[in-house]
Amino acid sequence: MGGISRSADGDVTFHYGSGVWADYWLVKTDAAGILQWQKTYGGTNQDWLYSVIQCSDGGYLMTGWTYSNDGDVAGSQALGDYWVAKKTAPEPFNGRMPWAAL
């Protein structure tokens, strides 16, 4: 599942900017709702995750918008670009972001 986070404590282990701006937040739980892993993506400005799906290869496709032009975001005009990013499987700490598009 996914959403946004402005935190860097509790279950959220990293935040790109100040607490004012949001990051994409990707979360995996088991069938009982127990946290398996979580990871934030984005840059030091506002990043809003709208949708996440699991792909047939086990990776995750995330879509939303960004005002960032640093961190995981490259090439943005920092004017509110739509951002699509793919994460490899099985878990984001060892996976890479093979591509992202604005």
PDB file of N, CA and C in Angstrom:
ATOM      1  N   MET A   1       0.845  -1.168   0.000  1.00  0.00           N
ATOM      2  CA  MET A   1       0.000   0.000   0.000  1.00  0.00           C
ATOM      3  C   MET A   1       0.890   1.230   0.000  1.00  0.00           C
ATOM      4  N   GLY A   2       0.332   2.354  -0.296  1.00  0.00           N
ATOM      5  CA  GLY A   2       1.136   3.564  -0.368  1.00  0.00           C
ATOM      6  C   GLY A   2       0.346   4.782   0.039  1.00  0.00           C
ATOM      7  N   GLY A   3       1.064   5.842   0.265  1.00  0.00           N
ATOM      8  CA  GLY A   3       0.473   7.114   0.646  1.00  0.00           C
ATOM      9  C   GLY A   3       1.567   8.144   0.742  1.00  0.00           C
ATOM     10  N   ILE A   4       1.389   9.107   1.635  1.00  0.00           N
ATOM     11  CA  ILE A   4       2.410  10.124   1.861  1.00  0.00           C
ATOM     12  C   ILE A   4       2.811  10.117   3.329  1.00  0.00           C
ATOM     13  N   SER A   5       3.998  10.652   3.582  1.00  0.00           N
ATOM     14  CA  SER A   5       4.466  10.802   4.956  1.00  0.00           C
ATOM     15  C   SER A   5       5.243  12.103   5.083  1.00  0.00           C
ATOM     16  N   ARG A   6       5.084  12.740   6.216  1.00  0.00           N
ATOM     17  CA  ARG A   6       5.871  13.923   6.573  1.00  0.00           C
ATOM     18  C   ARG A   6       6.728  13.633   7.800  1.00  0.00           C
ATOM     19  N   SER A   7       6.891  12.360   8.117  1.00  0.00           N
ATOM     20  CA  SER A   7       7.534  11.933   9.352  1.00  0.00           C
ATOM     21  C   SER A   7       8.882  11.275   9.089  1.00  0.00           C
ATOM     22  N   ALA A   8       9.689  11.171  10.126  1.00  0.00           N
ATOM     23  CA  ALA A   8      10.939  10.410  10.078  1.00  0.00           C
ATOM     24  C   ALA A   8      11.126   9.660  11.393  1.00  0.00           C
ATOM     25  N   ASP A   9      10.026   9.259  12.007  1.00  0.00           N
ATOM     26  CA  ASP A   9      10.114   8.487  13.244  1.00  0.00           C
ATOM     27  C   ASP A   9       9.020   7.420  13.249  1.00  0.00           C
ATOM     28  N   GLY A  10       8.968   6.623  14.302  1.00  0.00           N
ATOM     29  CA  GLY A  10       8.011   5.530  14.345  1.00  0.00           C
ATOM     30  C   GLY A  10       8.334   4.521  13.259  1.00  0.00           C
ATOM     31  N   ASP A  11       7.357   4.144  12.451  1.00  0.00           N
ATOM     32  CA  ASP A  11       7.579   3.193  11.371  1.00  0.00           C
ATOM     33  C   ASP A  11       8.255   3.821  10.157  1.00  0.00           C
ATOM     34  N   VAL A  12       8.278   5.140  10.058  1.00  0.00           N
ATOM     35  CA  VAL A  12       8.903   5.841   8.933  1.00  0.00           C
ATOM     36  C   VAL A  12      10.357   6.131   9.297  1.00  0.00           C
ATOM     37  N   THR A  13      11.285   5.549   8.542  1.00  0.00           N
ATOM     38  CA  THR A  13      12.698   5.644   8.938  1.00  0.00           C
ATOM     39  C   THR A  13      13.483   6.738   8.232  1.00  0.00           C
ATOM     40  N   PHE A  14      12.894   7.404   7.231  1.00  0.00           N
ATOM     41  CA  PHE A  14      13.631   8.455   6.527  1.00  0.00           C
ATOM     42  C   PHE A  14      12.648   9.453   5.941  1.00  0.00           C
ATOM     43  N   HIS A  15      13.045  10.725   5.931  1.00  0.00           N
ATOM     44  CA  HIS A  15      12.265  11.796   5.310  1.00  0.00           C
ATOM     45  C   HIS A  15      13.224  12.716   4.591  1.00  0.00           C
ATOM     46  N   TYR A  16      12.906  13.074   3.345  1.00  0.00           N
ATOM     47  CA  TYR A  16      13.824  13.858   2.514  1.00  0.00           C
ATOM     48  C   TYR A  16      13.928  15.317   2.895  1.00  0.00           C
ATOM     49  N   GLY A  17      12.850  15.956   3.286  1.00  0.00           N
ATOM     50  CA  GLY A  17      12.896  17.391   3.542  1.00  0.00           C
ATOM     51  C   GLY A  17      12.480  17.713   4.956  1.00  0.00           C
ATOM     52  N   SER A  18      12.003  18.931   5.124  1.00  0.00           N
ATOM     53  CA  SER A  18      11.481  19.314   6.424  1.00  0.00           C
ATOM     54  C   SER A  18      10.140  18.617   6.628  1.00  0.00           C
ATOM     55  N   GLY A  19       9.631  18.649   7.834  1.00  0.00           N
ATOM     56  CA  GLY A  19       8.362  18.002   8.138  1.00  0.00           C
ATOM     57  C   GLY A  19       7.167  18.614   7.424  1.00  0.00           C
ATOM     58  N   VAL A  20       7.361  19.766   6.791  1.00  0.00           N
ATOM     59  CA  VAL A  20       6.281  20.441   6.085  1.00  0.00           C
ATOM     60  C   VAL A  20       5.927  19.713   4.791  1.00  0.00           C
ATOM     61  N   TRP A  21       6.934  19.190   4.067  1.00  0.00           N
ATOM     62  CA  TRP A  21       6.729  18.578   2.759  1.00  0.00           C
ATOM     63  C   TRP A  21       6.557  17.065   2.875  1.00  0.00           C
ATOM     64  N   ALA A  22       5.732  16.512   2.014  1.00  0.00           N
ATOM     65  CA  ALA A  22       5.434  15.081   2.023  1.00  0.00           C
ATOM     66  C   ALA A  22       6.338  14.318   1.060  1.00  0.00           C
ATOM     67  N   ASP A  23       6.572  13.046   1.349  1.00  0.00           N
ATOM     68  CA  ASP A  23       7.266  12.100   0.475  1.00  0.00           C
ATOM     69  C   ASP A  23       6.309  10.972   0.114  1.00  0.00           C
ATOM     70  N   TYR A  24       6.572  10.296  -1.018  1.00  0.00           N
ATOM     71  CA  TYR A  24       5.890   9.037  -1.299  1.00  0.00           C
ATOM     72  C   TYR A  24       6.253   8.074  -0.168  1.00  0.00           C
ATOM     73  N   TRP A  25       5.309   7.252   0.274  1.00  0.00           N
ATOM     74  CA  TRP A  25       5.589   6.254   1.317  1.00  0.00           C
ATOM     75  C   TRP A  25       5.002   4.927   0.860  1.00  0.00           C
ATOM     76  N   LEU A  26       5.873   3.957   0.604  1.00  0.00           N
ATOM     77  CA  LEU A  26       5.475   2.619   0.168  1.00  0.00           C
ATOM     78  C   LEU A  26       5.598   1.678   1.357  1.00  0.00           C
ATOM     79  N   VAL A  27       4.523   0.925   1.637  1.00  0.00           N
ATOM     80  CA  VAL A  27       4.440   0.074   2.826  1.00  0.00           C
ATOM     81  C   VAL A  27       3.995  -1.323   2.417  1.00  0.00           C
ATOM     82  N   LYS A  28       4.633  -2.342   2.967  1.00  0.00           N
ATOM     83  CA  LYS A  28       4.228  -3.740   2.734  1.00  0.00           C
ATOM     84  C   LYS A  28       3.880  -4.356   4.080  1.00  0.00           C
ATOM     85  N   THR A  29       2.662  -4.930   4.167  1.00  0.00           N
ATOM     86  CA  THR A  29       2.256  -5.640   5.379  1.00  0.00           C
ATOM     87  C   THR A  29       1.923  -7.075   5.006  1.00  0.00           C
ATOM     88  N   ASP A  30       1.891  -7.936   6.012  1.00  0.00           N
ATOM     89  CA  ASP A  30       1.446  -9.313   5.763  1.00  0.00           C
ATOM     90  C   ASP A  30      -0.081  -9.358   5.860  1.00  0.00           C
ATOM     91  N   ALA A  31      -0.662 -10.535   5.725  1.00  0.00           N
ATOM     92  CA  ALA A  31      -2.109 -10.696   5.732  1.00  0.00           C
ATOM     93  C   ALA A  31      -2.749 -10.234   7.046  1.00  0.00           C
ATOM     94  N   ALA A  32      -1.967 -10.261   8.130  1.00  0.00           N
ATOM     95  CA  ALA A  32      -2.478  -9.838   9.434  1.00  0.00           C
ATOM     96  C   ALA A  32      -2.287  -8.343   9.677  1.00  0.00           C
ATOM     97  N   GLY A  33      -1.704  -7.626   8.698  1.00  0.00           N
ATOM     98  CA  GLY A  33      -1.480  -6.197   8.857  1.00  0.00           C
ATOM     99  C   GLY A  33      -0.182  -5.857   9.561  1.00  0.00           C
ATOM    100  N   ILE A  34       0.709  -6.831   9.757  1.00  0.00           N
ATOM    101  CA  ILE A  34       2.004  -6.599  10.407  1.00  0.00           C
ATOM    102  C   ILE A  34       2.978  -6.026   9.382  1.00  0.00           C
ATOM    103  N   LEU A  35       3.630  -4.929   9.729  1.00  0.00           N
ATOM    104  CA  LEU A  35       4.573  -4.269   8.838  1.00  0.00           C
ATOM    105  C   LEU A  35       5.716  -5.203   8.460  1.00  0.00           C
ATOM    106  N   GLN A  36       5.939  -5.379   7.158  1.00  0.00           N
ATOM    107  CA  GLN A  36       7.064  -6.167   6.641  1.00  0.00           C
ATOM    108  C   GLN A  36       8.228  -5.251   6.277  1.00  0.00           C
ATOM    109  N   TRP A  37       7.946  -4.160   5.581  1.00  0.00           N
ATOM    110  CA  TRP A  37       8.932  -3.147   5.248  1.00  0.00           C
ATOM    111  C   TRP A  37       8.228  -1.864   4.831  1.00  0.00           C
ATOM    112  N   GLN A  38       8.972  -0.780   4.810  1.00  0.00           N
ATOM    113  CA  GLN A  38       8.463   0.513   4.372  1.00  0.00           C
ATOM    114  C   GLN A  38       9.626   1.317   3.816  1.00  0.00           C
ATOM    115  N   LYS A  39       9.333   2.248   2.936  1.00  0.00           N
ATOM    116  CA  LYS A  39      10.380   3.086   2.346  1.00  0.00           C
ATOM    117  C   LYS A  39       9.742   4.360   1.818  1.00  0.00           C
ATOM    118  N   THR A  40      10.460   5.487   1.978  1.00  0.00           N
ATOM    119  CA  THR A  40      10.009   6.752   1.415  1.00  0.00           C
ATOM    120  C   THR A  40      10.794   7.053   0.147  1.00  0.00           C
ATOM    121  N   TYR A  41      10.161   7.806  -0.769  1.00  0.00           N
ATOM    122  CA  TYR A  41      10.765   8.204  -2.038  1.00  0.00           C
ATOM    123  C   TYR A  41      10.400   9.647  -2.318  1.00  0.00           C
ATOM    124  N   GLY A  42      11.283  10.340  -3.006  1.00  0.00           N
ATOM    125  CA  GLY A  42      10.992  11.718  -3.381  1.00  0.00           C
ATOM    126  C   GLY A  42      12.218  12.587  -3.262  1.00  0.00           C
ATOM    127  N   GLY A  43      11.984  13.849  -2.959  1.00  0.00           N
ATOM    128  CA  GLY A  43      13.059  14.828  -2.799  1.00  0.00           C
ATOM    129  C   GLY A  43      12.722  15.764  -1.660  1.00  0.00           C
ATOM    130  N   THR A  44      13.401  16.901  -1.604  1.00  0.00           N
ATOM    131  CA  THR A  44      13.253  17.804  -0.463  1.00  0.00           C
ATOM    132  C   THR A  44      12.053  18.743  -0.577  1.00  0.00           C
ATOM    133  N   ASN A  45      11.302  18.661  -1.659  1.00  0.00           N
ATOM    134  CA  ASN A  45      10.096  19.453  -1.794  1.00  0.00           C
ATOM    135  C   ASN A  45       8.880  18.525  -1.709  1.00  0.00           C
ATOM    136  N   GLN A  46       7.730  18.979  -2.112  1.00  0.00           N
ATOM    137  CA  GLN A  46       6.481  18.230  -1.971  1.00  0.00           C
ATOM    138  C   GLN A  46       6.373  17.086  -2.987  1.00  0.00           C
ATOM    139  N   ASP A  47       6.073  15.870  -2.508  1.00  0.00           N
ATOM    140  CA  ASP A  47       5.871  14.695  -3.352  1.00  0.00           C
ATOM    141  C   ASP A  47       4.612  13.977  -2.871  1.00  0.00           C
ATOM    142  N   TRP A  48       3.620  13.804  -3.758  1.00  0.00           N
ATOM    143  CA  TRP A  48       2.335  13.214  -3.378  1.00  0.00           C
ATOM    144  C   TRP A  48       2.101  11.944  -4.159  1.00  0.00           C
ATOM    145  N   LEU A  49       2.035  10.819  -3.476  1.00  0.00           N
ATOM    146  CA  LEU A  49       1.733   9.525  -4.092  1.00  0.00           C
ATOM    147  C   LEU A  49       0.218   9.371  -4.202  1.00  0.00           C
ATOM    148  N   TYR A  50      -0.272   9.120  -5.434  1.00  0.00           N
ATOM    149  CA  TYR A  50      -1.697   8.928  -5.653  1.00  0.00           C
ATOM    150  C   TYR A  50      -2.075   7.473  -5.836  1.00  0.00           C
ATOM    151  N   SER A  51      -1.176   6.676  -6.420  1.00  0.00           N
ATOM    152  CA  SER A  51      -1.536   5.304  -6.726  1.00  0.00           C
ATOM    153  C   SER A  51      -0.296   4.421  -6.709  1.00  0.00           C
ATOM    154  N   VAL A  52      -0.467   3.179  -6.258  1.00  0.00           N
ATOM    155  CA  VAL A  52       0.612   2.195  -6.310  1.00  0.00           C
ATOM    156  C   VAL A  52      -0.003   0.847  -6.677  1.00  0.00           C
ATOM    157  N   ILE A  53       0.678   0.135  -7.585  1.00  0.00           N
ATOM    158  CA  ILE A  53       0.232  -1.208  -7.938  1.00  0.00           C
ATOM    159  C   ILE A  53       1.438  -2.134  -7.909  1.00  0.00           C
ATOM    160  N   GLN A  54       1.182  -3.404  -7.596  1.00  0.00           N
ATOM    161  CA  GLN A  54       2.245  -4.396  -7.685  1.00  0.00           C
ATOM    162  C   GLN A  54       2.241  -4.953  -9.099  1.00  0.00           C
ATOM    163  N   CYS A  55       3.415  -4.982  -9.720  1.00  0.00           N
ATOM    164  CA  CYS A  55       3.563  -5.444 -11.109  1.00  0.00           C
ATOM    165  C   CYS A  55       3.732  -6.962 -11.142  1.00  0.00           C
ATOM    166  N   SER A  56       3.578  -7.554 -12.321  1.00  0.00           N
ATOM    167  CA  SER A  56       3.693  -9.002 -12.478  1.00  0.00           C
ATOM    168  C   SER A  56       5.091  -9.514 -12.136  1.00  0.00           C
ATOM    169  N   ASP A  57       6.120  -8.643 -12.194  1.00  0.00           N
ATOM    170  CA  ASP A  57       7.481  -9.047 -11.843  1.00  0.00           C
ATOM    171  C   ASP A  57       7.766  -8.915 -10.344  1.00  0.00           C
ATOM    172  N   GLY A  58       6.756  -8.536  -9.547  1.00  0.00           N
ATOM    173  CA  GLY A  58       6.912  -8.387  -8.103  1.00  0.00           C
ATOM    174  C   GLY A  58       7.327  -6.999  -7.671  1.00  0.00           C
ATOM    175  N   GLY A  59       7.665  -6.133  -8.620  1.00  0.00           N
ATOM    176  CA  GLY A  59       8.019  -4.753  -8.304  1.00  0.00           C
ATOM    177  C   GLY A  59       6.771  -3.909  -8.081  1.00  0.00           C
ATOM    178  N   TYR A  60       6.969  -2.617  -7.888  1.00  0.00           N
ATOM    179  CA  TYR A  60       5.866  -1.699  -7.612  1.00  0.00           C
ATOM    180  C   TYR A  60       5.955  -0.488  -8.525  1.00  0.00           C
ATOM    181  N   LEU A  61       4.819  -0.079  -9.069  1.00  0.00           N
ATOM    182  CA  LEU A  61       4.715   1.110  -9.889  1.00  0.00           C
ATOM    183  C   LEU A  61       3.982   2.164  -9.071  1.00  0.00           C
ATOM    184  N   MET A  62       4.623   3.318  -8.891  1.00  0.00           N
ATOM    185  CA  MET A  62       4.066   4.404  -8.080  1.00  0.00           C
ATOM    186  C   MET A  62       3.806   5.606  -8.969  1.00  0.00           C
ATOM    187  N   THR A  63       2.645   6.241  -8.812  1.00  0.00           N
ATOM    188  CA  THR A  63       2.318   7.436  -9.582  1.00  0.00           C
ATOM    189  C   THR A  63       1.821   8.529  -8.656  1.00  0.00           C
ATOM    190  N   GLY A  64       2.173   9.744  -8.995  1.00  0.00           N
ATOM    191  CA  GLY A  64       1.756  10.907  -8.230  1.00  0.00           C
ATOM    192  C   GLY A  64       2.354  12.153  -8.847  1.00  0.00           C
ATOM    193  N   TRP A  65       2.584  13.180  -8.039  1.00  0.00           N
ATOM    194  CA  TRP A  65       3.203  14.393  -8.546  1.00  0.00           C
ATOM    195  C   TRP A  65       4.271  14.879  -7.595  1.00  0.00           C
ATOM    196  N   THR A  66       5.149  15.722  -8.134  1.00  0.00           N
ATOM    197  CA  THR A  66       6.283  16.213  -7.350  1.00  0.00           C
ATOM    198  C   THR A  66       6.605  17.663  -7.672  1.00  0.00           C
ATOM    199  N   TYR A  67       7.102  18.357  -6.662  1.00  0.00           N
ATOM    200  CA  TYR A  67       7.705  19.672  -6.826  1.00  0.00           C
ATOM    201  C   TYR A  67       9.215  19.582  -6.572  1.00  0.00           C
ATOM    202  N   SER A  68       9.722  18.381  -6.335  1.00  0.00           N
ATOM    203  CA  SER A  68      11.151  18.182  -6.042  1.00  0.00           C
ATOM    204  C   SER A  68      11.971  18.097  -7.321  1.00  0.00           C
ATOM    205  N   ASN A  69      13.266  18.330  -7.183  1.00  0.00           N
ATOM    206  CA  ASN A  69      14.228  18.136  -8.273  1.00  0.00           C
ATOM    207  C   ASN A  69      15.544  17.641  -7.680  1.00  0.00           C
ATOM    208  N   ASP A  70      15.452  16.750  -6.706  1.00  0.00           N
ATOM    209  CA  ASP A  70      16.623  16.171  -6.052  1.00  0.00           C
ATOM    210  C   ASP A  70      16.212  14.858  -5.406  1.00  0.00           C
ATOM    211  N   GLY A  71      17.087  14.235  -4.653  1.00  0.00           N
ATOM    212  CA  GLY A  71      16.765  12.946  -4.051  1.00  0.00           C
ATOM    213  C   GLY A  71      16.521  11.907  -5.131  1.00  0.00           C
ATOM    214  N   ASP A  72      15.364  11.250  -5.094  1.00  0.00           N
ATOM    215  CA  ASP A  72      15.002  10.250  -6.098  1.00  0.00           C
ATOM    216  C   ASP A  72      14.461  10.872  -7.384  1.00  0.00           C
ATOM    217  N   VAL A  73      14.164  12.151  -7.363  1.00  0.00           N
ATOM    218  CA  VAL A  73      13.539  12.834  -8.498  1.00  0.00           C
ATOM    219  C   VAL A  73      14.612  13.550  -9.319  1.00  0.00           C
ATOM    220  N   ALA A  74      14.674  13.248 -10.612  1.00  0.00           N
ATOM    221  CA  ALA A  74      15.648  13.903 -11.491  1.00  0.00           C
ATOM    222  C   ALA A  74      14.929  14.457 -12.712  1.00  0.00           C
ATOM    223  N   GLY A  75      15.279  15.650 -13.117  1.00  0.00           N
ATOM    224  CA  GLY A  75      14.740  16.237 -14.332  1.00  0.00           C
ATOM    225  C   GLY A  75      13.470  17.036 -14.159  1.00  0.00           C
ATOM    226  N   SER A  76      12.977  17.148 -12.955  1.00  0.00           N
ATOM    227  CA  SER A  76      11.757  17.904 -12.712  1.00  0.00           C
ATOM    228  C   SER A  76      12.023  19.397 -12.891  1.00  0.00           C
ATOM    229  N   GLN A  77      11.025  20.115 -13.321  1.00  0.00           N
ATOM    230  CA  GLN A  77      11.098  21.569 -13.388  1.00  0.00           C
ATOM    231  C   GLN A  77      10.691  22.185 -12.043  1.00  0.00           C
ATOM    232  N   ALA A  78      10.357  21.323 -11.075  1.00  0.00           N
ATOM    233  CA  ALA A  78       9.929  21.748  -9.736  1.00  0.00           C
ATOM    234  C   ALA A  78       8.712  22.665  -9.806  1.00  0.00           C
ATOM    235  N   LEU A  79       7.840  22.383 -10.773  1.00  0.00           N
ATOM    236  CA  LEU A  79       6.633  23.188 -10.954  1.00  0.00           C
ATOM    237  C   LEU A  79       5.362  22.353 -10.831  1.00  0.00           C
ATOM    238  N   GLY A  80       5.457  21.185 -10.230  1.00  0.00           N
ATOM    239  CA  GLY A  80       4.301  20.315 -10.083  1.00  0.00           C
ATOM    240  C   GLY A  80       4.206  19.312 -11.215  1.00  0.00           C
ATOM    241  N   ASP A  81       5.246  18.518 -11.394  1.00  0.00           N
ATOM    242  CA  ASP A  81       5.293  17.509 -12.449  1.00  0.00           C
ATOM    243  C   ASP A  81       4.657  16.206 -11.980  1.00  0.00           C
ATOM    244  N   TYR A  82       4.013  15.489 -12.910  1.00  0.00           N
ATOM    245  CA  TYR A  82       3.519  14.152 -12.625  1.00  0.00           C
ATOM    246  C   TYR A  82       4.731  13.226 -12.587  1.00  0.00           C
ATOM    247  N   TRP A  83       4.839  12.343 -11.575  1.00  0.00           N
ATOM    248  CA  TRP A  83       6.018  11.498 -11.407  1.00  0.00           C
ATOM    249  C   TRP A  83       5.586  10.036 -11.328  1.00  0.00           C
ATOM    250  N   VAL A  84       6.140   9.217 -12.211  1.00  0.00           N
ATOM    251  CA  VAL A  84       5.894   7.783 -12.236  1.00  0.00           C
ATOM    252  C   VAL A  84       7.224   7.099 -11.965  1.00  0.00           C
ATOM    253  N   ALA A  85       7.266   6.200 -10.989  1.00  0.00           N
ATOM    254  CA  ALA A  85       8.510   5.518 -10.627  1.00  0.00           C
ATOM    255  C   ALA A  85       8.248   4.033 -10.439  1.00  0.00           C
ATOM    256  N   LYS A  86       9.225   3.215 -10.804  1.00  0.00           N
ATOM    257  CA  LYS A  86       9.127   1.757 -10.666  1.00  0.00           C
ATOM    258  C   LYS A  86      10.194   1.299  -9.696  1.00  0.00           C
ATOM    259  N   LYS A  87       9.802   0.473  -8.747  1.00  0.00           N
ATOM    260  CA  LYS A  87      10.739  -0.145  -7.800  1.00  0.00           C
ATOM    261  C   LYS A  87      10.815  -1.624  -8.094  1.00  0.00           C
ATOM    262  N   THR A  88      12.022  -2.168  -8.007  1.00  0.00           N
ATOM    263  CA  THR A  88      12.204  -3.595  -8.233  1.00  0.00           C
ATOM    264  C   THR A  88      11.791  -4.383  -7.000  1.00  0.00           C
ATOM    265  N   ALA A  89      11.612  -5.687  -7.178  1.00  0.00           N
ATOM    266  CA  ALA A  89      11.234  -6.597  -6.093  1.00  0.00           C
ATOM    267  C   ALA A  89      12.494  -7.251  -5.537  1.00  0.00           C
ATOM    268  N   PRO A  90      12.431  -7.935  -4.397  1.00  0.00           N
ATOM    269  CA  PRO A  90      11.219  -8.139  -3.620  1.00  0.00           C
ATOM    270  C   PRO A  90      10.978  -7.069  -2.570  1.00  0.00           C
ATOM    271  N   GLU A  91      12.016  -6.460  -2.052  1.00  0.00           N
ATOM    272  CA  GLU A  91      11.789  -5.421  -1.059  1.00  0.00           C
ATOM    273  C   GLU A  91      12.593  -4.191  -1.417  1.00  0.00           C
ATOM    274  N   PRO A  92      12.073  -2.999  -1.120  1.00  0.00           N
ATOM    275  CA  PRO A  92      12.698  -1.780  -1.621  1.00  0.00           C
ATOM    276  C   PRO A  92      14.069  -1.469  -1.041  1.00  0.00           C
ATOM    277  N   PHE A  93      14.454  -2.054   0.074  1.00  0.00           N
ATOM    278  CA  PHE A  93      15.774  -1.736   0.611  1.00  0.00           C
ATOM    279  C   PHE A  93      16.877  -2.327  -0.269  1.00  0.00           C
ATOM    280  N   ASN A  94      16.639  -3.489  -0.876  1.00  0.00           N
ATOM    281  CA  ASN A  94      17.615  -4.106  -1.766  1.00  0.00           C
ATOM    282  C   ASN A  94      17.286  -3.863  -3.222  1.00  0.00           C
ATOM    283  N   GLY A  95      16.064  -3.430  -3.503  1.00  0.00           N
ATOM    284  CA  GLY A  95      15.662  -3.168  -4.876  1.00  0.00           C
ATOM    285  C   GLY A  95      16.206  -1.835  -5.359  1.00  0.00           C
ATOM    286  N   ARG A  96      16.142  -1.642  -6.651  1.00  0.00           N
ATOM    287  CA  ARG A  96      16.575  -0.386  -7.245  1.00  0.00           C
ATOM    288  C   ARG A  96      15.381   0.280  -7.908  1.00  0.00           C
ATOM    289  N   MET A  97      15.555   1.528  -8.255  1.00  0.00           N
ATOM    290  CA  MET A  97      14.556   2.228  -9.036  1.00  0.00           C
ATOM    291  C   MET A  97      15.062   2.184 -10.481  1.00  0.00           C
ATOM    292  N   PRO A  98      14.650   1.165 -11.268  1.00  0.00           N
ATOM    293  CA  PRO A  98      15.181   1.020 -12.622  1.00  0.00           C
ATOM    294  C   PRO A  98      14.778   2.154 -13.550  1.00  0.00           C
ATOM    295  N   TRP A  99      13.670   2.808 -13.254  1.00  0.00           N
ATOM    296  CA  TRP A  99      13.304   3.965 -14.054  1.00  0.00           C
ATOM    297  C   TRP A  99      12.291   4.837 -13.331  1.00  0.00           C
ATOM    298  N   ALA A 100      12.292   6.080 -13.709  1.00  0.00           N
ATOM    299  CA  ALA A 100      11.313   7.051 -13.243  1.00  0.00           C
ATOM    300  C   ALA A 100      11.108   8.043 -14.377  1.00  0.00           C
ATOM    301  N   ALA A 101       9.917   8.558 -14.512  1.00  0.00           N
ATOM    302  CA  ALA A 101       9.622   9.502 -15.588  1.00  0.00           C
ATOM    303  C   ALA A 101       8.782  10.638 -15.046  1.00  0.00           C
ATOM    304  N   LEU A 102       9.010  11.807 -15.600  1.00  0.00           N
ATOM    305  CA  LEU A 102       8.226  12.988 -15.248  1.00  0.00           C
ATOM    306  C   LEU A 102       7.281  13.314 -16.375  1.00  0.00           C
TER     307      LEU A 102
END
